[in-house]
Amino acid sequence: MDGIKFQCSIYANDVILFAHPDANEALAIKGILQIFADTLGLKTNMAKCSITNIHGAEDAIKHVRQVLGCQVTPFPIRYLGLPLSTTKLPKEHVRKTVDVVAWRLPACHVPLMARSGRLIWVKSVLTAIPVYCMIADGLPPWARAEIDSICRRFLWT
């Protein structure tokens, strides 16, 4: 399956489009974005947009880039903070998710928080991050175990 990922940021919103690396589809995307701009008055900043080749010929990407005027970024990518890939993610990409959970701990407030407050923090903040990540791709067992360990240590401190 040949295709490209076209991501464009439209003010506070993010859009991801999947298309074949074809000049006709690039013209269609450009037309859709122009209709969007004409209708809502929101212009797409093509300098902030990117094209990512997932499975396709590099020469086709050059034609698409000429039509849209976007930068080309290599695959795999991060989209809305999540690593996206067609293969198993390397451990260092998953490590970032585990580290984000650890960074969300309010270390200076732990002695001041009651156990019930720490439980609420674990349930509402710390577990939301891995759940969000598992929407795109499942976390490996070692990452889930490490996140559970971080949550347990925080809860029972």
N, C-alpha and C. Protein backbone atom coordinates (compact mmCIF):
# COMPACT_ATOMS: atom_id res chain seq x y z
N MET A 1 0.84 -1.18 0.00
CA MET A 1 0.00 0.00 0.00
C MET A 1 0.89 1.24 0.00
N ASP A 2 0.85 2.00 -1.06
CA ASP A 2 1.62 3.23 -1.12
C ASP A 2 0.79 4.35 -0.51
N GLY A 3 1.45 5.21 0.26
CA GLY A 3 0.72 6.31 0.86
C GLY A 3 1.67 7.27 1.53
N ILE A 4 1.19 8.47 1.75
CA ILE A 4 1.94 9.45 2.50
C ILE A 4 1.05 9.93 3.63
N LYS A 5 1.69 10.49 4.62
CA LYS A 5 0.95 11.11 5.70
C LYS A 5 1.16 12.59 5.53
N PHE A 6 0.09 13.34 5.50
CA PHE A 6 0.15 14.78 5.36
C PHE A 6 -0.42 15.36 6.63
N GLN A 7 0.39 16.06 7.37
CA GLN A 7 -0.07 16.66 8.62
C GLN A 7 -0.03 18.16 8.47
N CYS A 8 -1.11 18.81 8.80
CA CYS A 8 -1.08 20.26 8.77
C CYS A 8 -1.67 20.79 10.07
N SER A 9 -1.04 21.80 10.58
CA SER A 9 -1.53 22.43 11.80
C SER A 9 -2.36 23.63 11.41
N ILE A 10 -3.57 23.68 11.89
CA ILE A 10 -4.47 24.78 11.59
C ILE A 10 -4.79 25.45 12.92
N TYR A 11 -4.04 26.49 13.25
CA TYR A 11 -4.13 27.18 14.53
C TYR A 11 -4.00 26.18 15.67
N ALA A 12 -5.00 26.05 16.52
CA ALA A 12 -4.89 25.16 17.68
C ALA A 12 -5.27 23.73 17.33
N ASN A 13 -5.71 23.48 16.13
CA ASN A 13 -6.15 22.14 15.74
C ASN A 13 -5.08 21.44 14.92
N ASP A 14 -5.08 20.12 15.00
CA ASP A 14 -4.18 19.33 14.17
C ASP A 14 -5.01 18.43 13.28
N VAL A 15 -4.55 18.28 12.06
CA VAL A 15 -5.23 17.44 11.09
C VAL A 15 -4.21 16.48 10.52
N ILE A 16 -4.61 15.25 10.35
CA ILE A 16 -3.75 14.28 9.69
C ILE A 16 -4.53 13.69 8.53
N LEU A 17 -3.92 13.69 7.36
CA LEU A 17 -4.56 13.17 6.16
C LEU A 17 -3.67 12.07 5.59
N PHE A 18 -4.27 10.99 5.16
CA PHE A 18 -3.54 9.92 4.51
C PHE A 18 -3.93 9.92 3.04
N ALA A 19 -2.93 9.89 2.18
CA ALA A 19 -3.19 9.94 0.74
C ALA A 19 -2.09 9.18 0.01
N HIS A 20 -2.38 8.84 -1.22
CA HIS A 20 -1.37 8.23 -2.08
C HIS A 20 -0.40 9.31 -2.54
N PRO A 21 0.86 8.99 -2.74
CA PRO A 21 1.83 9.99 -3.19
C PRO A 21 1.64 10.29 -4.68
N ASP A 22 0.60 11.02 -4.96
CA ASP A 22 0.20 11.29 -6.33
C ASP A 22 -0.07 12.78 -6.47
N ALA A 23 0.37 13.38 -7.56
CA ALA A 23 0.18 14.81 -7.76
C ALA A 23 -1.30 15.18 -7.81
N ASN A 24 -2.15 14.31 -8.37
CA ASN A 24 -3.59 14.59 -8.43
C ASN A 24 -4.20 14.65 -7.03
N GLU A 25 -3.79 13.73 -6.15
CA GLU A 25 -4.30 13.76 -4.78
C GLU A 25 -3.77 14.97 -4.03
N ALA A 26 -2.54 15.36 -4.32
CA ALA A 26 -1.98 16.57 -3.70
C ALA A 26 -2.77 17.80 -4.13
N LEU A 27 -3.16 17.84 -5.40
CA LEU A 27 -3.99 18.96 -5.88
C LEU A 27 -5.36 18.94 -5.22
N ALA A 28 -5.91 17.74 -4.99
CA ALA A 28 -7.20 17.63 -4.31
C ALA A 28 -7.09 18.12 -2.87
N ILE A 29 -6.02 17.75 -2.19
CA ILE A 29 -5.81 18.21 -0.82
C ILE A 29 -5.66 19.72 -0.78
N LYS A 30 -4.91 20.25 -1.71
CA LYS A 30 -4.73 21.70 -1.77
C LYS A 30 -6.08 22.39 -2.00
N GLY A 31 -6.92 21.81 -2.86
CA GLY A 31 -8.25 22.36 -3.10
C GLY A 31 -9.14 22.30 -1.86
N ILE A 32 -9.07 21.18 -1.13
CA ILE A 32 -9.87 21.04 0.10
C ILE A 32 -9.43 22.08 1.13
N LEU A 33 -8.14 22.27 1.26
CA LEU A 33 -7.64 23.27 2.22
C LEU A 33 -8.04 24.68 1.79
N GLN A 34 -8.11 24.92 0.49
CA GLN A 34 -8.55 26.24 0.01
C GLN A 34 -10.03 26.44 0.29
N ILE A 35 -10.85 25.41 0.10
CA ILE A 35 -12.28 25.50 0.43
C ILE A 35 -12.45 25.75 1.92
N PHE A 36 -11.66 25.07 2.73
CA PHE A 36 -11.68 25.27 4.19
C PHE A 36 -11.37 26.73 4.52
N ALA A 37 -10.31 27.27 3.89
CA ALA A 37 -9.92 28.65 4.16
C ALA A 37 -11.00 29.63 3.72
N ASP A 38 -11.59 29.38 2.55
CA ASP A 38 -12.63 30.29 2.04
C ASP A 38 -13.88 30.24 2.90
N THR A 39 -14.22 29.06 3.40
CA THR A 39 -15.44 28.89 4.18
C THR A 39 -15.31 29.45 5.58
N LEU A 40 -14.23 29.11 6.27
CA LEU A 40 -14.08 29.48 7.67
C LEU A 40 -13.18 30.67 7.91
N GLY A 41 -12.45 31.07 6.90
CA GLY A 41 -11.53 32.19 7.08
C GLY A 41 -10.25 31.80 7.80
N LEU A 42 -10.00 30.52 7.95
CA LEU A 42 -8.77 30.04 8.60
C LEU A 42 -7.83 29.55 7.52
N LYS A 43 -6.69 30.18 7.42
CA LYS A 43 -5.73 29.81 6.38
C LYS A 43 -4.71 28.83 6.95
N THR A 44 -4.44 27.78 6.20
CA THR A 44 -3.46 26.78 6.60
C THR A 44 -2.06 27.31 6.35
N ASN A 45 -1.23 27.26 7.38
CA ASN A 45 0.16 27.68 7.25
C ASN A 45 0.96 26.49 6.74
N MET A 46 1.21 26.46 5.44
CA MET A 46 1.88 25.33 4.82
C MET A 46 3.33 25.19 5.29
N ALA A 47 3.92 26.25 5.83
CA ALA A 47 5.29 26.16 6.35
C ALA A 47 5.33 25.29 7.61
N LYS A 48 4.20 25.16 8.31
CA LYS A 48 4.14 24.32 9.50
C LYS A 48 3.64 22.91 9.20
N CYS A 49 3.27 22.67 7.96
CA CYS A 49 2.77 21.36 7.55
C CYS A 49 3.93 20.46 7.15
N SER A 50 3.68 19.18 7.18
CA SER A 50 4.73 18.25 6.77
C SER A 50 4.15 17.08 6.00
N ILE A 51 4.98 16.51 5.16
CA ILE A 51 4.65 15.31 4.40
C ILE A 51 5.59 14.21 4.87
N THR A 52 5.03 13.06 5.17
CA THR A 52 5.84 11.93 5.61
C THR A 52 5.55 10.75 4.71
N ASN A 53 6.60 10.20 4.13
CA ASN A 53 6.48 9.04 3.26
C ASN A 53 6.42 7.78 4.12
N ILE A 54 5.30 7.08 4.08
CA ILE A 54 5.17 5.84 4.85
C ILE A 54 5.62 4.68 3.97
N HIS A 55 4.95 4.47 2.86
CA HIS A 55 5.32 3.45 1.88
C HIS A 55 5.11 4.04 0.50
N GLY A 56 6.14 4.52 -0.10
CA GLY A 56 5.97 5.11 -1.42
C GLY A 56 7.31 5.47 -2.02
N ALA A 57 7.27 5.81 -3.27
CA ALA A 57 8.50 6.17 -3.99
C ALA A 57 8.91 7.60 -3.63
N GLU A 58 10.21 7.80 -3.48
CA GLU A 58 10.73 9.12 -3.12
C GLU A 58 10.47 10.15 -4.21
N ASP A 59 10.51 9.74 -5.48
CA ASP A 59 10.28 10.70 -6.55
C ASP A 59 8.85 11.22 -6.54
N ALA A 60 7.89 10.39 -6.13
CA ALA A 60 6.49 10.84 -6.03
C ALA A 60 6.35 11.89 -4.94
N ILE A 61 7.09 11.74 -3.84
CA ILE A 61 7.04 12.70 -2.74
C ILE A 61 7.53 14.07 -3.21
N LYS A 62 8.52 14.08 -4.09
CA LYS A 62 9.03 15.34 -4.63
C LYS A 62 7.93 16.10 -5.36
N HIS A 63 7.11 15.37 -6.14
CA HIS A 63 6.01 16.01 -6.88
C HIS A 63 4.96 16.54 -5.91
N VAL A 64 4.64 15.76 -4.90
CA VAL A 64 3.65 16.19 -3.90
C VAL A 64 4.16 17.41 -3.16
N ARG A 65 5.45 17.43 -2.82
CA ARG A 65 6.04 18.56 -2.12
C ARG A 65 5.98 19.82 -2.99
N GLN A 66 6.21 19.68 -4.29
CA GLN A 66 6.12 20.82 -5.18
C GLN A 66 4.71 21.40 -5.23
N VAL A 67 3.72 20.54 -5.22
CA VAL A 67 2.33 20.99 -5.29
C VAL A 67 1.92 21.69 -3.98
N LEU A 68 2.25 21.06 -2.84
CA LEU A 68 1.79 21.57 -1.55
C LEU A 68 2.74 22.56 -0.89
N GLY A 69 4.02 22.45 -1.19
CA GLY A 69 4.98 23.37 -0.59
C GLY A 69 5.26 23.09 0.88
N CYS A 70 5.18 21.84 1.28
CA CYS A 70 5.42 21.45 2.67
C CYS A 70 6.82 20.88 2.82
N GLN A 71 7.26 20.81 4.06
CA GLN A 71 8.53 20.13 4.35
C GLN A 71 8.30 18.62 4.37
N VAL A 72 9.35 17.87 4.14
CA VAL A 72 9.29 16.42 4.18
C VAL A 72 9.98 15.96 5.46
N THR A 73 9.28 15.15 6.27
CA THR A 73 9.85 14.63 7.51
C THR A 73 9.93 13.11 7.43
N PRO A 74 10.94 12.52 8.03
CA PRO A 74 11.09 11.06 7.95
C PRO A 74 10.10 10.33 8.85
N PHE A 75 9.83 9.09 8.50
CA PHE A 75 8.95 8.22 9.28
C PHE A 75 9.83 7.29 10.09
N PRO A 76 9.56 6.96 11.32
CA PRO A 76 8.36 7.21 12.13
C PRO A 76 8.32 8.64 12.65
N ILE A 77 7.13 9.05 13.05
CA ILE A 77 6.91 10.42 13.53
C ILE A 77 6.22 10.39 14.88
N ARG A 78 6.14 11.56 15.50
CA ARG A 78 5.33 11.75 16.70
C ARG A 78 4.16 12.64 16.28
N TYR A 79 2.95 12.23 16.62
CA TYR A 79 1.75 13.00 16.31
C TYR A 79 0.95 13.15 17.59
N LEU A 80 0.71 14.39 17.98
CA LEU A 80 0.04 14.70 19.24
C LEU A 80 0.73 14.02 20.42
N GLY A 81 2.05 13.97 20.34
CA GLY A 81 2.84 13.40 21.42
C GLY A 81 3.02 11.90 21.37
N LEU A 82 2.37 11.24 20.43
CA LEU A 82 2.45 9.78 20.34
C LEU A 82 3.37 9.36 19.20
N PRO A 83 4.25 8.40 19.45
CA PRO A 83 5.06 7.89 18.35
C PRO A 83 4.22 6.99 17.45
N LEU A 84 4.22 7.25 16.16
CA LEU A 84 3.50 6.45 15.19
C LEU A 84 4.49 5.70 14.32
N SER A 85 4.24 4.43 14.13
CA SER A 85 5.14 3.61 13.34
C SER A 85 4.37 2.43 12.76
N THR A 86 4.88 1.87 11.68
CA THR A 86 4.28 0.68 11.11
C THR A 86 4.92 -0.58 11.65
N THR A 87 5.99 -0.42 12.42
CA THR A 87 6.69 -1.56 13.02
C THR A 87 6.71 -1.38 14.54
N LYS A 88 7.26 -2.36 15.22
CA LYS A 88 7.39 -2.29 16.67
C LYS A 88 8.29 -1.10 17.03
N LEU A 89 7.83 -0.31 17.99
CA LEU A 89 8.59 0.86 18.39
C LEU A 89 9.84 0.47 19.15
N PRO A 90 10.93 1.18 18.92
CA PRO A 90 12.14 0.93 19.69
C PRO A 90 11.92 1.28 21.17
N LYS A 91 12.70 0.67 22.02
CA LYS A 91 12.53 0.85 23.46
C LYS A 91 12.68 2.31 23.89
N GLU A 92 13.55 3.07 23.25
CA GLU A 92 13.74 4.47 23.66
C GLU A 92 12.50 5.32 23.41
N HIS A 93 11.69 4.98 22.40
CA HIS A 93 10.45 5.71 22.16
C HIS A 93 9.43 5.43 23.26
N VAL A 94 9.36 4.18 23.69
CA VAL A 94 8.44 3.80 24.76
C VAL A 94 8.95 4.35 26.09
N ARG A 95 10.26 4.41 26.26
CA ARG A 95 10.87 4.94 27.48
C ARG A 95 10.40 6.37 27.73
N LYS A 96 10.22 7.16 26.67
CA LYS A 96 9.75 8.54 26.83
C LYS A 96 8.39 8.59 27.50
N THR A 97 7.51 7.65 27.17
CA THR A 97 6.18 7.60 27.78
C THR A 97 6.30 7.29 29.27
N VAL A 98 7.15 6.35 29.63
CA VAL A 98 7.35 6.01 31.04
C VAL A 98 7.92 7.21 31.77
N ASP A 99 8.85 7.91 31.15
CA ASP A 99 9.45 9.09 31.78
C ASP A 99 8.44 10.21 31.99
N VAL A 100 7.51 10.37 31.06
CA VAL A 100 6.48 11.40 31.21
C VAL A 100 5.62 11.12 32.44
N VAL A 101 5.31 9.86 32.69
CA VAL A 101 4.53 9.51 33.88
C VAL A 101 5.32 9.90 35.13
N ALA A 102 6.60 9.59 35.15
CA ALA A 102 7.43 9.92 36.31
C ALA A 102 7.55 11.43 36.50
N TRP A 103 7.62 12.18 35.41
CA TRP A 103 7.74 13.64 35.51
C TRP A 103 6.47 14.29 36.04
N ARG A 104 5.33 13.64 35.88
CA ARG A 104 4.06 14.20 36.34
C ARG A 104 3.86 14.08 37.85
N LEU A 105 4.78 13.41 38.52
CA LEU A 105 4.64 13.27 39.96
C LEU A 105 4.93 14.60 40.66
N PRO A 106 4.04 15.03 41.53
CA PRO A 106 4.29 16.27 42.27
C PRO A 106 5.18 15.97 43.48
N ALA A 107 6.47 15.75 43.24
CA ALA A 107 7.39 15.26 44.28
C ALA A 107 7.41 16.14 45.52
N CYS A 108 7.39 17.45 45.35
CA CYS A 108 7.48 18.33 46.52
C CYS A 108 6.19 18.32 47.34
N HIS A 109 5.08 17.87 46.78
CA HIS A 109 3.80 17.88 47.49
C HIS A 109 3.47 16.53 48.13
N VAL A 110 4.28 15.51 47.86
CA VAL A 110 3.95 14.16 48.35
C VAL A 110 3.77 14.14 49.87
N PRO A 111 4.67 14.74 50.67
CA PRO A 111 4.47 14.68 52.12
C PRO A 111 3.21 15.43 52.58
N LEU A 112 2.75 16.37 51.79
CA LEU A 112 1.58 17.17 52.16
C LEU A 112 0.26 16.55 51.72
N MET A 113 0.32 15.56 50.85
CA MET A 113 -0.90 14.96 50.31
C MET A 113 -1.34 13.77 51.15
N ALA A 114 -2.62 13.71 51.40
CA ALA A 114 -3.19 12.54 52.08
C ALA A 114 -3.19 11.37 51.09
N ARG A 115 -3.30 10.17 51.61
CA ARG A 115 -3.31 8.99 50.74
C ARG A 115 -4.46 9.07 49.75
N SER A 116 -5.61 9.59 50.19
CA SER A 116 -6.74 9.71 49.26
C SER A 116 -6.43 10.68 48.12
N GLY A 117 -5.69 11.75 48.41
CA GLY A 117 -5.28 12.69 47.37
C GLY A 117 -4.31 12.07 46.39
N ARG A 118 -3.38 11.25 46.91
CA ARG A 118 -2.44 10.55 46.03
C ARG A 118 -3.16 9.53 45.17
N LEU A 119 -4.18 8.87 45.73
CA LEU A 119 -4.97 7.91 44.95
C LEU A 119 -5.69 8.60 43.81
N ILE A 120 -6.26 9.75 44.08
CA ILE A 120 -6.94 10.51 43.03
C ILE A 120 -5.94 10.94 41.96
N TRP A 121 -4.74 11.37 42.38
CA TRP A 121 -3.70 11.77 41.43
C TRP A 121 -3.31 10.61 40.53
N VAL A 122 -3.14 9.42 41.13
CA VAL A 122 -2.78 8.23 40.35
C VAL A 122 -3.88 7.89 39.37
N LYS A 123 -5.13 7.89 39.83
CA LYS A 123 -6.24 7.48 38.96
C LYS A 123 -6.53 8.49 37.86
N SER A 124 -6.40 9.78 38.15
CA SER A 124 -6.81 10.78 37.16
C SER A 124 -5.67 11.30 36.29
N VAL A 125 -4.46 11.37 36.83
CA VAL A 125 -3.36 11.97 36.08
C VAL A 125 -2.39 10.90 35.55
N LEU A 126 -1.86 10.10 36.46
CA LEU A 126 -0.78 9.19 36.08
C LEU A 126 -1.25 8.06 35.16
N THR A 127 -2.46 7.56 35.36
CA THR A 127 -2.93 6.48 34.49
C THR A 127 -3.51 6.99 33.17
N ALA A 128 -3.81 8.28 33.10
CA ALA A 128 -4.35 8.84 31.85
C ALA A 128 -3.30 8.83 30.74
N ILE A 129 -2.04 9.03 31.10
CA ILE A 129 -0.97 9.10 30.10
C ILE A 129 -0.79 7.77 29.38
N PRO A 130 -0.62 6.64 30.11
CA PRO A 130 -0.48 5.38 29.37
C PRO A 130 -1.73 4.96 28.62
N VAL A 131 -2.91 5.30 29.15
CA VAL A 131 -4.15 4.97 28.43
C VAL A 131 -4.18 5.72 27.11
N TYR A 132 -3.81 7.00 27.13
CA TYR A 132 -3.76 7.80 25.92
C TYR A 132 -2.78 7.20 24.91
N CYS A 133 -1.63 6.74 25.40
CA CYS A 133 -0.62 6.14 24.52
C CYS A 133 -1.08 4.82 23.95
N MET A 134 -1.85 4.05 24.72
CA MET A 134 -2.29 2.75 24.24
C MET A 134 -3.39 2.86 23.20
N ILE A 135 -3.96 4.05 23.02
CA ILE A 135 -4.95 4.26 21.96
C ILE A 135 -4.28 4.05 20.61
N ALA A 136 -3.07 4.58 20.44
CA ALA A 136 -2.36 4.48 19.17
C ALA A 136 -1.65 3.14 19.02
N ASP A 137 -1.02 2.68 20.10
CA ASP A 137 -0.24 1.46 20.02
C ASP A 137 -0.11 0.91 21.43
N GLY A 138 -0.23 -0.38 21.58
CA GLY A 138 -0.14 -0.98 22.90
C GLY A 138 1.24 -0.79 23.52
N LEU A 139 1.27 -0.60 24.82
CA LEU A 139 2.55 -0.51 25.53
C LEU A 139 3.05 -1.92 25.82
N PRO A 140 4.34 -2.14 25.71
CA PRO A 140 4.88 -3.47 26.02
C PRO A 140 4.74 -3.77 27.52
N PRO A 141 4.76 -5.05 27.89
CA PRO A 141 4.58 -5.42 29.30
C PRO A 141 5.58 -4.77 30.25
N TRP A 142 6.83 -4.61 29.83
CA TRP A 142 7.81 -3.99 30.72
C TRP A 142 7.44 -2.55 31.03
N ALA A 143 6.89 -1.82 30.06
CA ALA A 143 6.51 -0.41 30.28
C ALA A 143 5.30 -0.32 31.21
N ARG A 144 4.32 -1.20 31.00
CA ARG A 144 3.15 -1.20 31.89
C ARG A 144 3.56 -1.53 33.32
N ALA A 145 4.47 -2.50 33.48
CA ALA A 145 4.93 -2.87 34.82
C ALA A 145 5.69 -1.72 35.48
N GLU A 146 6.49 -1.02 34.72
CA GLU A 146 7.25 0.10 35.28
C GLU A 146 6.33 1.26 35.66
N ILE A 147 5.33 1.53 34.84
CA ILE A 147 4.36 2.59 35.17
C ILE A 147 3.57 2.21 36.42
N ASP A 148 3.15 0.95 36.53
CA ASP A 148 2.46 0.48 37.74
C ASP A 148 3.34 0.64 38.97
N SER A 149 4.63 0.33 38.82
CA SER A 149 5.57 0.47 39.93
C SER A 149 5.71 1.92 40.36
N ILE A 150 5.80 2.84 39.41
CA ILE A 150 5.88 4.27 39.71
C ILE A 150 4.63 4.71 40.48
N CYS A 151 3.46 4.29 40.00
CA CYS A 151 2.20 4.66 40.65
C CYS A 151 2.12 4.09 42.06
N ARG A 152 2.52 2.83 42.23
CA ARG A 152 2.48 2.20 43.56
C ARG A 152 3.41 2.92 44.54
N ARG A 153 4.63 3.21 44.10
CA ARG A 153 5.58 3.90 44.98
C ARG A 153 5.04 5.26 45.40
N PHE A 154 4.43 5.98 44.45
CA PHE A 154 3.87 7.29 44.76
C PHE A 154 2.70 7.17 45.73
N LEU A 155 1.84 6.21 45.50
CA LEU A 155 0.65 6.03 46.34
C LEU A 155 1.02 5.66 47.78
N TRP A 156 2.00 4.79 47.97
CA TRP A 156 2.32 4.29 49.29
C TRP A 156 3.48 5.01 49.95
N THR A 157 3.91 6.13 49.39
CA THR A 157 4.99 6.93 50.01
C THR A 157 4.52 7.51 51.31
